[in-house]
Amino acid sequence: MPHHKDHEKLEAIKEAIKSSEKLTQEQKSNALAHIEEWYKEDKAFGSLIEALVEKFAELEPILAELGLV
């Protein structure tokens, strides 16, 4: 994986998703797969946040807790 300036934020998002009690295992898996795909393609961080909220509305409160939306 390429080094990314937002690596720490990505790790925080991934940990928040993994530990969420509001998401099903399938939602967690899908969201984490989306993050990994995005990271490999080295897309803009803001684009990832927008895409996650659009695809997985359940993530908005988690991202808000992290101060990302």
N, C-alpha and C. Protein backbone atom coordinates (compact mmCIF):
# COMPACT_ATOMS: atom_id res chain seq x y z
N MET A 1 0.83 -1.19 0.00
CA MET A 1 0.00 0.00 0.00
C MET A 1 0.88 1.25 0.00
N PRO A 2 0.46 2.24 -0.73
CA PRO A 2 1.24 3.47 -0.74
C PRO A 2 1.09 4.22 0.57
N HIS A 3 2.12 5.00 0.89
CA HIS A 3 2.04 5.84 2.08
C HIS A 3 1.06 6.97 1.79
N HIS A 4 0.22 7.29 2.73
CA HIS A 4 -0.78 8.32 2.52
C HIS A 4 -0.78 9.27 3.71
N LYS A 5 -0.87 10.55 3.42
CA LYS A 5 -0.80 11.56 4.49
C LYS A 5 -1.94 11.43 5.49
N ASP A 6 -3.03 10.83 5.08
CA ASP A 6 -4.18 10.68 5.98
C ASP A 6 -4.25 9.28 6.59
N HIS A 7 -3.13 8.59 6.65
CA HIS A 7 -3.09 7.22 7.15
C HIS A 7 -3.66 7.11 8.56
N GLU A 8 -3.30 8.04 9.45
CA GLU A 8 -3.79 7.97 10.83
C GLU A 8 -5.30 8.13 10.89
N LYS A 9 -5.85 9.03 10.06
CA LYS A 9 -7.30 9.21 10.02
C LYS A 9 -7.98 7.94 9.51
N LEU A 10 -7.38 7.33 8.49
CA LEU A 10 -7.95 6.10 7.95
C LEU A 10 -7.96 5.00 9.00
N GLU A 11 -6.88 4.89 9.74
CA GLU A 11 -6.82 3.87 10.78
C GLU A 11 -7.87 4.13 11.87
N ALA A 12 -8.08 5.40 12.21
CA ALA A 12 -9.09 5.74 13.20
C ALA A 12 -10.49 5.38 12.70
N ILE A 13 -10.75 5.64 11.42
CA ILE A 13 -12.04 5.29 10.84
C ILE A 13 -12.23 3.78 10.86
N LYS A 14 -11.21 3.05 10.45
CA LYS A 14 -11.31 1.59 10.42
C LYS A 14 -11.55 1.03 11.82
N GLU A 15 -10.85 1.53 12.81
CA GLU A 15 -11.05 1.05 14.18
C GLU A 15 -12.45 1.38 14.68
N ALA A 16 -12.94 2.57 14.36
CA ALA A 16 -14.29 2.97 14.77
C ALA A 16 -15.34 2.08 14.12
N ILE A 17 -15.14 1.74 12.87
CA ILE A 17 -16.07 0.85 12.18
C ILE A 17 -16.04 -0.54 12.82
N LYS A 18 -14.84 -1.06 13.04
CA LYS A 18 -14.71 -2.40 13.63
C LYS A 18 -15.35 -2.49 15.01
N SER A 19 -15.26 -1.44 15.79
CA SER A 19 -15.78 -1.48 17.16
C SER A 19 -17.22 -1.01 17.29
N SER A 20 -17.81 -0.56 16.19
CA SER A 20 -19.19 -0.07 16.23
C SER A 20 -20.17 -1.18 16.57
N GLU A 21 -21.08 -0.86 17.46
CA GLU A 21 -22.15 -1.81 17.80
C GLU A 21 -23.40 -1.53 16.97
N LYS A 22 -23.38 -0.45 16.18
CA LYS A 22 -24.54 -0.06 15.38
C LYS A 22 -24.51 -0.67 13.99
N LEU A 23 -23.36 -1.20 13.58
CA LEU A 23 -23.22 -1.77 12.24
C LEU A 23 -23.24 -3.29 12.30
N THR A 24 -23.83 -3.89 11.28
CA THR A 24 -23.79 -5.35 11.17
C THR A 24 -22.40 -5.76 10.68
N GLN A 25 -22.08 -7.03 10.80
CA GLN A 25 -20.79 -7.52 10.31
C GLN A 25 -20.67 -7.28 8.82
N GLU A 26 -21.77 -7.44 8.10
CA GLU A 26 -21.75 -7.22 6.65
C GLU A 26 -21.46 -5.76 6.33
N GLN A 27 -22.10 -4.84 7.05
CA GLN A 27 -21.85 -3.41 6.84
C GLN A 27 -20.40 -3.07 7.14
N LYS A 28 -19.88 -3.63 8.22
CA LYS A 28 -18.48 -3.39 8.58
C LYS A 28 -17.56 -3.88 7.48
N SER A 29 -17.80 -5.10 7.03
CA SER A 29 -16.97 -5.71 6.00
C SER A 29 -17.00 -4.90 4.71
N ASN A 30 -18.19 -4.49 4.29
CA ASN A 30 -18.33 -3.71 3.06
C ASN A 30 -17.64 -2.36 3.18
N ALA A 31 -17.81 -1.70 4.29
CA ALA A 31 -17.19 -0.38 4.49
C ALA A 31 -15.67 -0.50 4.52
N LEU A 32 -15.16 -1.50 5.21
CA LEU A 32 -13.71 -1.69 5.29
C LEU A 32 -13.13 -2.05 3.92
N ALA A 33 -13.86 -2.85 3.15
CA ALA A 33 -13.40 -3.19 1.79
C ALA A 33 -13.36 -1.94 0.92
N HIS A 34 -14.35 -1.07 1.07
CA HIS A 34 -14.39 0.17 0.31
C HIS A 34 -13.20 1.06 0.67
N ILE A 35 -12.88 1.13 1.93
CA ILE A 35 -11.74 1.94 2.39
C ILE A 35 -10.44 1.38 1.80
N GLU A 36 -10.27 0.08 1.86
CA GLU A 36 -9.05 -0.54 1.33
C GLU A 36 -8.91 -0.29 -0.17
N GLU A 37 -10.02 -0.42 -0.90
CA GLU A 37 -10.00 -0.16 -2.35
C GLU A 37 -9.62 1.29 -2.63
N TRP A 38 -10.23 2.20 -1.89
CA TRP A 38 -9.95 3.62 -2.04
C TRP A 38 -8.47 3.90 -1.75
N TYR A 39 -7.97 3.31 -0.68
CA TYR A 39 -6.59 3.55 -0.27
C TYR A 39 -5.60 3.06 -1.34
N LYS A 40 -5.87 1.89 -1.90
CA LYS A 40 -5.00 1.34 -2.95
C LYS A 40 -4.99 2.25 -4.18
N GLU A 41 -6.13 2.87 -4.46
CA GLU A 41 -6.22 3.76 -5.61
C GLU A 41 -5.72 5.16 -5.28
N ASP A 42 -5.40 5.41 -4.02
CA ASP A 42 -4.83 6.68 -3.55
C ASP A 42 -5.69 7.88 -3.94
N LYS A 43 -6.97 7.76 -3.68
CA LYS A 43 -7.90 8.86 -3.97
C LYS A 43 -7.86 9.91 -2.87
N ALA A 44 -8.44 11.06 -3.12
CA ALA A 44 -8.47 12.15 -2.15
C ALA A 44 -9.28 11.74 -0.92
N PHE A 45 -8.78 12.13 0.26
CA PHE A 45 -9.42 11.76 1.53
C PHE A 45 -10.86 12.26 1.60
N GLY A 46 -11.10 13.51 1.20
CA GLY A 46 -12.45 14.06 1.22
C GLY A 46 -13.41 13.25 0.38
N SER A 47 -12.92 12.73 -0.73
CA SER A 47 -13.75 11.89 -1.60
C SER A 47 -14.16 10.61 -0.90
N LEU A 48 -13.26 10.06 -0.11
CA LEU A 48 -13.58 8.85 0.63
C LEU A 48 -14.69 9.11 1.64
N ILE A 49 -14.56 10.17 2.39
CA ILE A 49 -15.58 10.49 3.40
C ILE A 49 -16.94 10.65 2.75
N GLU A 50 -16.99 11.40 1.64
CA GLU A 50 -18.25 11.61 0.93
C GLU A 50 -18.81 10.28 0.43
N ALA A 51 -17.96 9.44 -0.13
CA ALA A 51 -18.42 8.15 -0.65
C ALA A 51 -18.92 7.24 0.46
N LEU A 52 -18.22 7.24 1.59
CA LEU A 52 -18.66 6.40 2.70
C LEU A 52 -20.03 6.81 3.22
N VAL A 53 -20.25 8.11 3.36
CA VAL A 53 -21.55 8.59 3.84
C VAL A 53 -22.64 8.29 2.82
N GLU A 54 -22.29 8.44 1.53
CA GLU A 54 -23.27 8.17 0.48
C GLU A 54 -23.64 6.69 0.42
N LYS A 55 -22.64 5.80 0.49
CA LYS A 55 -22.88 4.36 0.38
C LYS A 55 -23.37 3.74 1.68
N PHE A 56 -22.90 4.28 2.80
CA PHE A 56 -23.19 3.68 4.10
C PHE A 56 -23.66 4.78 5.05
N ALA A 57 -24.93 5.14 4.96
CA ALA A 57 -25.48 6.22 5.78
C ALA A 57 -25.24 5.96 7.27
N GLU A 58 -25.15 4.70 7.65
CA GLU A 58 -24.95 4.35 9.05
C GLU A 58 -23.60 4.83 9.58
N LEU A 59 -22.67 5.13 8.68
CA LEU A 59 -21.34 5.56 9.10
C LEU A 59 -21.28 7.04 9.47
N GLU A 60 -22.27 7.81 9.06
CA GLU A 60 -22.22 9.25 9.31
C GLU A 60 -22.03 9.58 10.80
N PRO A 61 -22.77 8.95 11.73
CA PRO A 61 -22.54 9.27 13.15
C PRO A 61 -21.12 8.90 13.61
N ILE A 62 -20.57 7.81 13.09
CA ILE A 62 -19.22 7.39 13.46
C ILE A 62 -18.22 8.41 12.96
N LEU A 63 -18.37 8.84 11.71
CA LEU A 63 -17.46 9.83 11.14
C LEU A 63 -17.62 11.19 11.84
N ALA A 64 -18.84 11.50 12.26
CA ALA A 64 -19.07 12.75 12.99
C ALA A 64 -18.35 12.71 14.33
N GLU A 65 -18.38 11.58 15.01
CA GLU A 65 -17.67 11.43 16.29
C GLU A 65 -16.18 11.67 16.12
N LEU A 66 -15.66 11.31 14.96
CA LEU A 66 -14.24 11.49 14.67
C LEU A 66 -13.94 12.90 14.15
N GLY A 67 -14.99 13.73 14.01
CA GLY A 67 -14.81 15.09 13.53
C GLY A 67 -14.55 15.19 12.05
N LEU A 68 -15.03 14.21 11.28
CA LEU A 68 -14.74 14.19 9.85
C LEU A 68 -15.91 14.61 8.97
N VAL A 69 -17.07 14.80 9.54
CA VAL A 69 -18.22 15.32 8.78
C VAL A 69 -18.91 16.39 9.60
